[in-house]
Amino acid sequence: MNQTITAPNAPAAVGPYCHAKRAGDTLYTSGQLGLIPATGELPEGVEAQARQALENLSAVLAAAGMGCADVVKTTVFLANIGDFAAINKIYAEFFPGEAPARSCVQAGALPKGALFEIEAVAVK
């Protein structure tokens, strides 16, 4: 089974991809930037972008009938790895308790000049 997931409460894709794909019980999300769904704009600062990106990820998970507790792996992309500590506090709010496995890397550049992007794998 291969099902496309489109989240009405997440910003529209900025390229030729979908919000997520479900393959059996596993959901693979596309990277979520901190775009404000209503405007398509990025808020100022890495903390605001991280919070919005995690809200967008939550909307994608909800559209698939899942939540942050179902996430088993995330990959975080930062424009500046020096923001690692600042985003950890916000990240922990969305993944309290036992957090998923995670990779975090500094990217050369992110779409739309973003400072933060996150993708996830979730299992129901």
C-alpha atoms as a PDB file:
ATOM      1  CA  MET A   1       0.000   0.000   0.000  1.00  0.00           C
ATOM      2  CA  ASN A   2       1.306   3.434  -0.968  1.00  0.00           C
ATOM      3  CA  GLN A   3      -0.907   6.351   0.048  1.00  0.00           C
ATOM      4  CA  THR A   4      -0.285  10.061  -0.492  1.00  0.00           C
ATOM      5  CA  ILE A   5      -1.041  12.253   2.527  1.00  0.00           C
ATOM      6  CA  THR A   6      -2.051  15.870   2.036  1.00  0.00           C
ATOM      7  CA  ALA A   7      -2.483  17.966   5.170  1.00  0.00           C
ATOM      8  CA  PRO A   8      -5.003  20.814   4.844  1.00  0.00           C
ATOM      9  CA  ASN A   9      -3.505  22.597   7.888  1.00  0.00           C
ATOM     10  CA  ALA A  10       0.101  22.560   6.642  1.00  0.00           C
ATOM     11  CA  PRO A  11       1.627  24.931   4.099  1.00  0.00           C
ATOM     12  CA  ALA A  12       1.462  23.888   0.470  1.00  0.00           C
ATOM     13  CA  ALA A  13       4.517  22.163  -0.956  1.00  0.00           C
ATOM     14  CA  VAL A  14       7.080  24.493  -2.530  1.00  0.00           C
ATOM     15  CA  GLY A  15       7.974  21.927  -5.186  1.00  0.00           C
ATOM     16  CA  PRO A  16       6.807  18.718  -6.877  1.00  0.00           C
ATOM     17  CA  TYR A  17       6.320  16.586  -3.751  1.00  0.00           C
ATOM     18  CA  CYS A  18       3.607  15.649  -1.268  1.00  0.00           C
ATOM     19  CA  HIS A  19       3.428  16.212   2.479  1.00  0.00           C
ATOM     20  CA  ALA A  20       3.914  12.523   3.232  1.00  0.00           C
ATOM     21  CA  LYS A  21       3.641   8.957   1.957  1.00  0.00           C
ATOM     22  CA  ARG A  22       2.257   6.047   3.919  1.00  0.00           C
ATOM     23  CA  ALA A  23       3.649   2.612   3.104  1.00  0.00           C
ATOM     24  CA  GLY A  24       1.849   0.054   5.250  1.00  0.00           C
ATOM     25  CA  ASP A  25       2.056   1.212   8.853  1.00  0.00           C
ATOM     26  CA  THR A  26       4.969   3.570   8.175  1.00  0.00           C
ATOM     27  CA  LEU A  27       4.693   7.252   7.305  1.00  0.00           C
ATOM     28  CA  TYR A  28       7.536   9.158   5.623  1.00  0.00           C
ATOM     29  CA  THR A  29       7.160  12.935   5.726  1.00  0.00           C
ATOM     30  CA  SER A  30       8.691  15.479   3.424  1.00  0.00           C
ATOM     31  CA  GLY A  31      10.773  18.181   5.053  1.00  0.00           C
ATOM     32  CA  GLN A  32       8.709  20.796   6.845  1.00  0.00           C
ATOM     33  CA  LEU A  33       9.898  24.381   6.936  1.00  0.00           C
ATOM     34  CA  GLY A  34       8.590  26.971   9.367  1.00  0.00           C
ATOM     35  CA  LEU A  35       6.262  28.479   6.766  1.00  0.00           C
ATOM     36  CA  ILE A  36       3.083  29.992   8.175  1.00  0.00           C
ATOM     37  CA  PRO A  37       0.288  28.051   6.416  1.00  0.00           C
ATOM     38  CA  ALA A  38      -1.977  31.078   5.896  1.00  0.00           C
ATOM     39  CA  THR A  39       0.678  33.298   4.325  1.00  0.00           C
ATOM     40  CA  GLY A  40       3.493  31.053   3.107  1.00  0.00           C
ATOM     41  CA  GLU A  41       5.951  33.372   4.876  1.00  0.00           C
ATOM     42  CA  LEU A  42       8.730  32.447   7.285  1.00  0.00           C
ATOM     43  CA  PRO A  43       8.624  34.010  10.756  1.00  0.00           C
ATOM     44  CA  GLU A  44      11.734  35.827  12.030  1.00  0.00           C
ATOM     45  CA  GLY A  45      14.350  33.805  13.900  1.00  0.00           C
ATOM     46  CA  VAL A  46      15.286  30.172  14.227  1.00  0.00           C
ATOM     47  CA  GLU A  47      13.159  29.570  17.338  1.00  0.00           C
ATOM     48  CA  ALA A  48       9.982  30.854  15.669  1.00  0.00           C
ATOM     49  CA  GLN A  49      10.748  28.879  12.507  1.00  0.00           C
ATOM     50  CA  ALA A  50      11.446  25.707  14.500  1.00  0.00           C
ATOM     51  CA  ARG A  51       8.190  26.014  16.431  1.00  0.00           C
ATOM     52  CA  GLN A  52       6.193  26.616  13.225  1.00  0.00           C
ATOM     53  CA  ALA A  53       7.937  23.751  11.395  1.00  0.00           C
ATOM     54  CA  LEU A  54       7.092  21.412  14.269  1.00  0.00           C
ATOM     55  CA  GLU A  55       3.473  22.640  14.183  1.00  0.00           C
ATOM     56  CA  ASN A  56       3.455  21.935  10.429  1.00  0.00           C
ATOM     57  CA  LEU A  57       4.908  18.465  11.027  1.00  0.00           C
ATOM     58  CA  SER A  58       2.203  17.860  13.634  1.00  0.00           C
ATOM     59  CA  ALA A  59      -0.457  18.836  11.059  1.00  0.00           C
ATOM     60  CA  VAL A  60       0.979  16.365   8.541  1.00  0.00           C
ATOM     61  CA  LEU A  61       1.036  13.614  11.167  1.00  0.00           C
ATOM     62  CA  ALA A  62      -2.569  14.416  12.152  1.00  0.00           C
ATOM     63  CA  ALA A  63      -3.685  14.204   8.510  1.00  0.00           C
ATOM     64  CA  ALA A  64      -2.325  10.643   8.544  1.00  0.00           C
ATOM     65  CA  GLY A  65      -4.085   9.805  11.822  1.00  0.00           C
ATOM     66  CA  MET A  66      -0.833   9.973  13.795  1.00  0.00           C
ATOM     67  CA  GLY A  67       0.885  12.222  16.285  1.00  0.00           C
ATOM     68  CA  CYS A  68       4.342  13.070  17.575  1.00  0.00           C
ATOM     69  CA  ALA A  69       4.236   9.991  19.851  1.00  0.00           C
ATOM     70  CA  ASP A  70       4.235   7.824  16.691  1.00  0.00           C
ATOM     71  CA  VAL A  71       7.473   9.349  15.359  1.00  0.00           C
ATOM     72  CA  VAL A  72      10.444   6.971  15.506  1.00  0.00           C
ATOM     73  CA  LYS A  73      13.071   9.046  13.641  1.00  0.00           C
ATOM     74  CA  THR A  74      13.578  12.676  12.682  1.00  0.00           C
ATOM     75  CA  THR A  75      16.176  14.504  10.677  1.00  0.00           C
ATOM     76  CA  VAL A  76      16.711  18.173  11.485  1.00  0.00           C
ATOM     77  CA  PHE A  77      18.468  20.520   9.077  1.00  0.00           C
ATOM     78  CA  LEU A  78      19.861  23.793  10.421  1.00  0.00           C
ATOM     79  CA  ALA A  79      21.255  26.724   8.486  1.00  0.00           C
ATOM     80  CA  ASN A  80      23.603  27.242  11.455  1.00  0.00           C
ATOM     81  CA  ILE A  81      24.594  24.338  13.721  1.00  0.00           C
ATOM     82  CA  GLY A  82      25.221  26.978  16.395  1.00  0.00           C
ATOM     83  CA  ASP A  83      21.408  27.056  16.822  1.00  0.00           C
ATOM     84  CA  PHE A  84      21.433  23.450  18.065  1.00  0.00           C
ATOM     85  CA  ALA A  85      20.867  24.297  21.758  1.00  0.00           C
ATOM     86  CA  ALA A  86      18.145  26.861  21.012  1.00  0.00           C
ATOM     87  CA  ILE A  87      16.065  24.454  18.932  1.00  0.00           C
ATOM     88  CA  ASN A  88      16.491  21.579  21.402  1.00  0.00           C
ATOM     89  CA  LYS A  89      14.229  23.309  23.943  1.00  0.00           C
ATOM     90  CA  ILE A  90      11.446  23.747  21.391  1.00  0.00           C
ATOM     91  CA  TYR A  91      11.943  20.248  19.949  1.00  0.00           C
ATOM     92  CA  ALA A  92      11.573  18.749  23.453  1.00  0.00           C
ATOM     93  CA  GLU A  93       8.133  20.390  23.827  1.00  0.00           C
ATOM     94  CA  PHE A  94       6.867  18.387  20.838  1.00  0.00           C
ATOM     95  CA  PHE A  95       8.623  15.144  21.831  1.00  0.00           C
ATOM     96  CA  PRO A  96       8.328  14.944  25.639  1.00  0.00           C
ATOM     97  CA  GLY A  97       9.391  11.801  27.432  1.00  0.00           C
ATOM     98  CA  GLU A  98      11.025   9.245  25.178  1.00  0.00           C
ATOM     99  CA  ALA A  99      12.155  11.195  22.145  1.00  0.00           C
ATOM    100  CA  PRO A 100      12.591   9.588  18.722  1.00  0.00           C
ATOM    101  CA  ALA A 101      15.984   8.860  17.202  1.00  0.00           C
ATOM    102  CA  ARG A 102      17.332  11.998  15.529  1.00  0.00           C
ATOM    103  CA  SER A 103      20.021  13.278  13.230  1.00  0.00           C
ATOM    104  CA  CYS A 104      20.821  16.986  13.111  1.00  0.00           C
ATOM    105  CA  VAL A 105      23.026  18.507  10.444  1.00  0.00           C
ATOM    106  CA  GLN A 106      24.020  21.922   9.201  1.00  0.00           C
ATOM    107  CA  ALA A 107      22.797  22.367   5.637  1.00  0.00           C
ATOM    108  CA  GLY A 108      24.560  24.581   3.117  1.00  0.00           C
ATOM    109  CA  ALA A 109      21.246  26.296   2.390  1.00  0.00           C
ATOM    110  CA  LEU A 110      17.574  25.541   2.958  1.00  0.00           C
ATOM    111  CA  PRO A 111      14.631  26.356   0.670  1.00  0.00           C
ATOM    112  CA  LYS A 112      13.300  29.926   0.857  1.00  0.00           C
ATOM    113  CA  GLY A 113      16.242  30.945   3.057  1.00  0.00           C
ATOM    114  CA  ALA A 114      14.824  28.974   5.996  1.00  0.00           C
ATOM    115  CA  LEU A 115      16.849  28.452   9.163  1.00  0.00           C
ATOM    116  CA  PHE A 116      15.224  25.129  10.213  1.00  0.00           C
ATOM    117  CA  GLU A 117      13.693  22.108   8.470  1.00  0.00           C
ATOM    118  CA  ILE A 118      12.521  18.763   9.838  1.00  0.00           C
ATOM    119  CA  GLU A 119      11.439  15.456   8.318  1.00  0.00           C
ATOM    120  CA  ALA A 120      10.166  12.385  10.148  1.00  0.00           C
ATOM    121  CA  VAL A 121       9.393   8.698   9.957  1.00  0.00           C
ATOM    122  CA  ALA A 122       6.404   7.551  12.018  1.00  0.00           C
ATOM    123  CA  VAL A 123       4.891   4.126  12.642  1.00  0.00           C
ATOM    124  CA  LYS A 124       1.323   3.429  13.764  1.00  0.00           C
END
